[in-house]
């Protein structure tokens, strides 16, 4: 959906609230969903989709594809996906599967194997640059996903090709499938790592949806350096029973609990 006027801060916040309700509904579906990471990444996705809505060729790629429930919810509240995906999530014959694919409006690249969405977005940015066209390639990755070597190979290429229109956003919620990132493969001085690869780096609040939208809206025309946005987030954000808990990674709940949790969303 392309709109002439940018949404207000209040409108963006309301989108995030509605999207969190939808993710809880998907957790109450037949197969549950990756709840914690979907809730942590929602504000980032809504802000990035706001940039894409200007119609300048910006493409948003959810590299941490297991957070598909969050992507579907963000696409719906942003007006890209007309139908409500929550009742259809995980249902046979529906495109709303546990990892996103191009049968879903607003999804150009399938993602699931971690690390692969980052080069998709970088390739998109390179194609736009070679064609002399505008728009960004925005990849949204998890901090656990940075353990994939393909991410860093892509960073090296993006810097070498001076892809100033490539943006890598790290949803730094501190958790991954098997526990906490700090206990499995710590990544100290992450900003310095990206800087050493030749990136501009911004560290920010990953739940400040208006601030993120302003960051993504900034003109990067002529910038020779790709941008890494390290967004500090909380796994399960907005839902007190699961906030910050590693065991919120994948959750299946019943309709009664879903109704109770939706009343708690903040």
Protein backbone atom coordinates (compact mmCIF):
# COMPACT_ATOMS: atom_id res chain seq x y z
CA UNK A 1 0.00 0.00 0.00
CA UNK A 2 1.44 3.38 -1.02
CA UNK A 3 0.18 6.38 0.91
CA UNK A 4 0.78 10.06 0.33
CA UNK A 5 1.08 10.84 4.02
CA UNK A 6 3.32 9.05 6.47
CA UNK A 7 1.59 7.54 9.51
CA UNK A 8 1.87 9.36 12.81
CA UNK A 9 3.74 7.99 15.81
CA UNK A 10 0.40 7.08 17.36
CA UNK A 11 -0.68 5.22 14.23
CA UNK A 12 2.57 3.24 14.10
CA UNK A 13 2.22 2.31 17.78
CA UNK A 14 -1.35 1.17 17.19
CA UNK A 15 -0.19 -1.01 14.31
CA UNK A 16 2.33 -2.65 16.63
CA UNK A 17 -0.37 -3.27 19.26
CA UNK A 18 -2.73 -4.84 16.71
CA UNK A 19 0.07 -6.95 15.26
CA UNK A 20 0.94 -8.36 18.69
CA UNK A 21 -2.67 -9.45 19.12
CA UNK A 22 -2.50 -11.29 15.79
CA UNK A 23 0.72 -13.07 16.74
CA UNK A 24 -0.89 -14.34 19.95
CA UNK A 25 -3.82 -15.60 17.85
CA UNK A 26 -1.35 -17.50 15.65
CA UNK A 27 0.25 -19.05 18.73
CA UNK A 28 -3.22 -20.42 19.49
CA UNK A 29 -3.43 -22.06 16.06
CA UNK A 30 -3.05 -25.77 15.34
CA UNK A 31 0.76 -25.68 15.34
CA UNK A 32 1.65 -22.68 17.49
CA UNK A 33 4.33 -20.24 16.33
CA UNK A 34 7.71 -18.70 17.12
CA UNK A 35 6.17 -16.28 19.58
CA UNK A 36 9.15 -14.66 21.31
CA UNK A 37 11.06 -13.67 18.19
CA UNK A 38 7.92 -12.59 16.35
CA UNK A 39 7.06 -10.19 19.16
CA UNK A 40 10.61 -8.85 19.42
CA UNK A 41 10.88 -8.05 15.71
CA UNK A 42 7.44 -6.51 15.12
CA UNK A 43 8.35 -2.86 15.65
CA UNK A 44 11.32 -3.21 13.32
CA UNK A 45 9.19 -4.77 10.59
CA UNK A 46 6.42 -2.18 10.87
CA UNK A 47 8.95 0.65 10.60
CA UNK A 48 10.73 -0.99 7.65
CA UNK A 49 7.44 -1.61 5.85
CA UNK A 50 6.60 2.05 6.34
CA UNK A 51 9.72 2.89 4.33
CA UNK A 52 8.76 0.35 1.65
CA UNK A 53 5.28 1.91 1.43
CA UNK A 54 6.70 5.06 -0.16
CA UNK A 55 7.01 3.04 -3.38
CA UNK A 56 10.66 3.84 -4.11
CA UNK A 57 11.71 0.24 -4.70
CA UNK A 58 12.67 -0.57 -1.11
CA UNK A 59 12.45 -4.30 -0.35
CA UNK A 60 12.18 -5.71 3.17
CA UNK A 61 13.50 -9.26 3.72
CA UNK A 62 12.87 -11.10 6.97
CA UNK A 63 16.02 -13.18 7.14
CA UNK A 64 15.02 -14.70 10.50
CA UNK A 65 12.23 -16.45 8.64
CA UNK A 66 11.06 -18.45 11.64
CA UNK A 67 9.44 -15.20 12.86
CA UNK A 68 6.97 -15.50 9.99
CA UNK A 69 3.99 -14.92 12.30
CA UNK A 70 5.39 -11.48 13.09
CA UNK A 71 5.91 -10.74 9.40
CA UNK A 72 2.37 -11.77 8.45
CA UNK A 73 0.94 -9.64 11.24
CA UNK A 74 3.09 -6.64 10.26
CA UNK A 75 2.11 -6.97 6.60
CA UNK A 76 -1.57 -7.07 7.53
CA UNK A 77 -1.60 -4.05 9.84
CA UNK A 78 0.52 -2.11 7.33
CA UNK A 79 -2.07 -2.67 4.60
CA UNK A 80 0.10 -4.84 2.37
CA UNK A 81 -1.77 -8.06 3.17
CA UNK A 82 -5.54 -7.52 2.88
CA UNK A 83 -6.79 -10.64 4.65
CA UNK A 84 -6.25 -11.43 8.30
CA UNK A 85 -3.60 -14.19 8.32
CA UNK A 86 -4.20 -15.31 11.92
CA UNK A 87 -7.17 -17.70 11.34
CA UNK A 88 -5.35 -19.21 8.35
CA UNK A 89 -1.89 -19.59 9.86
CA UNK A 90 -0.65 -23.19 9.73
CA UNK A 91 -3.78 -24.39 7.93
CA UNK A 92 -3.41 -26.88 5.07
CA UNK A 93 -3.57 -25.25 1.67
CA UNK A 94 -2.83 -21.76 3.01
CA UNK A 95 0.36 -19.79 2.26
CA UNK A 96 0.85 -18.72 5.89
CA UNK A 97 3.40 -21.34 6.84
CA UNK A 98 6.05 -21.34 9.54
CA UNK A 99 8.53 -19.71 7.16
CA UNK A 100 7.48 -17.06 4.62
CA UNK A 101 7.37 -17.60 0.88
CA UNK A 102 6.45 -15.52 -2.19
CA UNK A 103 2.86 -16.77 -2.31
CA UNK A 104 2.21 -14.25 0.47
CA UNK A 105 1.68 -10.65 -0.75
CA UNK A 106 4.65 -8.53 0.25
CA UNK A 107 7.09 -11.44 0.41
CA UNK A 108 9.50 -11.54 -2.53
CA UNK A 109 12.03 -14.08 -1.22
CA UNK A 110 11.47 -17.29 0.74
CA UNK A 111 13.45 -17.43 3.96
CA UNK A 112 13.94 -20.15 6.52
CA UNK A 113 17.55 -21.30 6.42
CA UNK A 114 19.19 -18.71 8.62
CA UNK A 115 21.56 -16.25 6.99
CA UNK A 116 20.11 -16.52 3.50
CA UNK A 117 17.85 -13.47 3.64
CA UNK A 118 20.83 -11.19 4.20
CA UNK A 119 22.36 -11.81 0.73
CA UNK A 120 18.88 -11.62 -0.83
CA UNK A 121 18.53 -8.07 0.46
CA UNK A 122 22.10 -7.17 -0.46
CA UNK A 123 21.54 -8.54 -3.96
CA UNK A 124 18.40 -6.45 -4.26
CA UNK A 125 20.34 -3.36 -3.19
CA UNK A 126 23.09 -4.12 -5.70
CA UNK A 127 20.58 -4.58 -8.52
CA UNK A 128 18.91 -1.24 -7.72
CA UNK A 129 22.30 0.48 -7.66
CA UNK A 130 23.47 -1.04 -10.95
CA UNK A 131 20.19 -0.02 -12.58
CA UNK A 132 20.55 3.53 -11.27
CA UNK A 133 17.32 3.23 -9.33
CA UNK A 134 16.41 4.21 -5.78
CA UNK A 135 15.24 2.21 -2.81
CA UNK A 136 16.88 0.16 -0.11
CA UNK A 137 17.48 -3.52 0.43
CA UNK A 138 16.61 -4.03 4.10
CA UNK A 139 17.48 -7.35 5.75
CA UNK A 140 16.10 -8.08 9.21
CA UNK A 141 18.19 -10.71 10.99
CA UNK A 142 18.40 -12.13 14.50
CA UNK A 143 21.45 -11.89 16.72
CA UNK A 144 21.67 -15.68 16.93
CA UNK A 145 21.59 -15.71 13.14
CA UNK A 146 24.87 -13.82 13.05
CA UNK A 147 26.55 -17.13 13.84
CA UNK A 148 26.01 -17.99 10.16
CA UNK A 149 29.12 -17.31 8.10
CA UNK A 150 27.04 -16.28 5.09
CA UNK A 151 26.03 -13.11 6.94
CA UNK A 152 29.62 -11.96 7.23
CA UNK A 153 30.50 -12.98 3.67
CA UNK A 154 27.64 -10.78 2.52
CA UNK A 155 28.83 -7.90 4.69
CA UNK A 156 32.24 -8.11 3.05
CA UNK A 157 30.72 -7.97 -0.44
CA UNK A 158 28.30 -5.16 0.49
CA UNK A 159 31.15 -3.01 1.75
CA UNK A 160 33.39 -3.81 -1.21
CA UNK A 161 30.61 -2.87 -3.64
CA UNK A 162 29.83 0.27 -1.63
CA UNK A 163 26.17 -0.64 -1.23
CA UNK A 164 25.07 2.39 0.73
CA UNK A 165 21.49 1.35 -0.04
CA UNK A 166 21.87 -1.92 1.90
CA UNK A 167 20.62 -1.93 5.49
CA UNK A 168 21.16 -4.88 7.84
CA UNK A 169 18.99 -4.69 10.94
CA UNK A 170 19.87 -6.97 13.85
CA UNK A 171 16.97 -7.88 16.13
CA UNK A 172 19.19 -8.21 19.20
CA UNK A 173 16.84 -9.93 21.63
CA UNK A 174 19.59 -12.05 23.20
CA UNK A 175 17.91 -15.40 22.59
CA UNK A 176 17.99 -18.21 20.06
CA UNK A 177 16.54 -21.70 19.67
CA UNK A 178 18.74 -23.42 22.25
CA UNK A 179 18.98 -20.69 24.88
CA UNK A 180 20.67 -17.33 25.25
CA UNK A 181 23.14 -16.08 22.65
CA UNK A 182 25.60 -15.03 25.36
CA UNK A 183 25.75 -18.62 26.61
CA UNK A 184 26.14 -20.21 23.17
CA UNK A 185 28.23 -17.90 21.01
CA UNK A 186 28.78 -14.46 22.56
CA UNK A 187 29.25 -11.49 20.23
CA UNK A 188 30.99 -8.73 22.17
CA UNK A 189 31.72 -5.37 20.52
CA UNK A 190 29.21 -6.05 17.76
CA UNK A 191 29.20 -2.45 16.57
CA UNK A 192 32.98 -2.58 16.20
CA UNK A 193 32.68 -5.76 14.16
CA UNK A 194 30.39 -4.09 11.65
CA UNK A 195 32.58 -1.00 11.56
CA UNK A 196 35.59 -3.20 10.77
CA UNK A 197 33.68 -4.50 7.74
CA UNK A 198 33.19 -0.93 6.51
CA UNK A 199 29.62 -0.34 7.70
CA UNK A 200 28.04 2.73 9.17
CA UNK A 201 26.56 1.59 12.49
CA UNK A 202 23.62 2.79 14.56
CA UNK A 203 22.63 1.25 17.89
CA UNK A 204 19.03 1.97 18.83
CA UNK A 205 15.91 0.94 20.75
CA UNK A 206 14.31 -1.77 18.64
CA UNK A 207 10.88 -1.02 20.10
CA UNK A 208 10.84 2.70 19.28
CA UNK A 209 8.80 2.21 16.13
CA UNK A 210 8.61 5.92 15.29
CA UNK A 211 12.36 6.35 15.78
CA UNK A 212 13.04 3.32 13.60
CA UNK A 213 10.72 4.65 10.89
CA UNK A 214 12.61 7.96 10.90
CA UNK A 215 15.93 6.09 10.69
CA UNK A 216 14.80 4.03 7.70
CA UNK A 217 13.33 7.11 6.00
CA UNK A 218 16.69 8.93 5.97
CA UNK A 219 18.14 9.57 2.54
CA UNK A 220 21.13 7.33 1.88
CA UNK A 221 21.68 8.53 -1.68
CA UNK A 222 25.37 8.87 -2.31
CA UNK A 223 26.45 7.05 0.85
CA UNK A 224 29.26 4.60 0.01
CA UNK A 225 28.89 2.54 3.18
CA UNK A 226 26.15 0.02 3.97
CA UNK A 227 24.32 0.52 7.25
CA UNK A 228 24.07 -1.86 10.22
CA UNK A 229 21.28 -1.09 12.66
CA UNK A 230 21.75 -2.92 15.96
CA UNK A 231 18.26 -2.83 17.45
CA UNK A 232 18.08 -3.81 21.11
CA UNK A 233 14.86 -5.73 21.70
CA UNK A 234 13.14 -7.94 24.25
CA UNK A 235 12.13 -11.47 23.34
CA UNK A 236 8.36 -11.67 23.76
CA UNK A 237 8.04 -7.86 23.92
CA UNK A 238 4.66 -6.55 25.01
CA UNK A 239 3.46 -9.75 26.64
CA UNK A 240 4.45 -9.84 30.35
CA UNK A 241 4.16 -13.64 30.85
CA UNK A 242 6.85 -14.32 28.24
CA UNK A 243 8.99 -11.16 28.07
CA UNK A 244 12.69 -11.92 28.17
CA UNK A 245 12.20 -15.65 28.57
CA UNK A 246 14.19 -18.06 26.39
CA UNK A 247 11.35 -20.61 26.49
CA UNK A 248 9.11 -18.18 24.59
CA UNK A 249 11.00 -19.12 21.42
CA UNK A 250 8.21 -21.45 20.24
CA UNK A 251 4.83 -21.51 21.95
CA UNK A 252 1.54 -23.33 21.46
CA UNK A 253 -1.41 -22.16 23.56
CA UNK A 254 -5.17 -22.69 23.65
CA UNK A 255 -7.87 -20.13 22.86
CA UNK A 256 -8.56 -19.40 26.53
CA UNK A 257 -4.96 -18.48 27.25
CA UNK A 258 -4.76 -16.49 24.01
CA UNK A 259 -7.74 -14.38 25.08
CA UNK A 260 -6.14 -13.77 28.48
CA UNK A 261 -2.77 -12.88 27.00
CA UNK A 262 -4.28 -10.47 24.47
CA UNK A 263 -5.78 -8.49 27.34
CA UNK A 264 -2.27 -8.16 28.82
CA UNK A 265 -0.58 -6.75 25.71
CA UNK A 266 1.00 -3.37 26.31
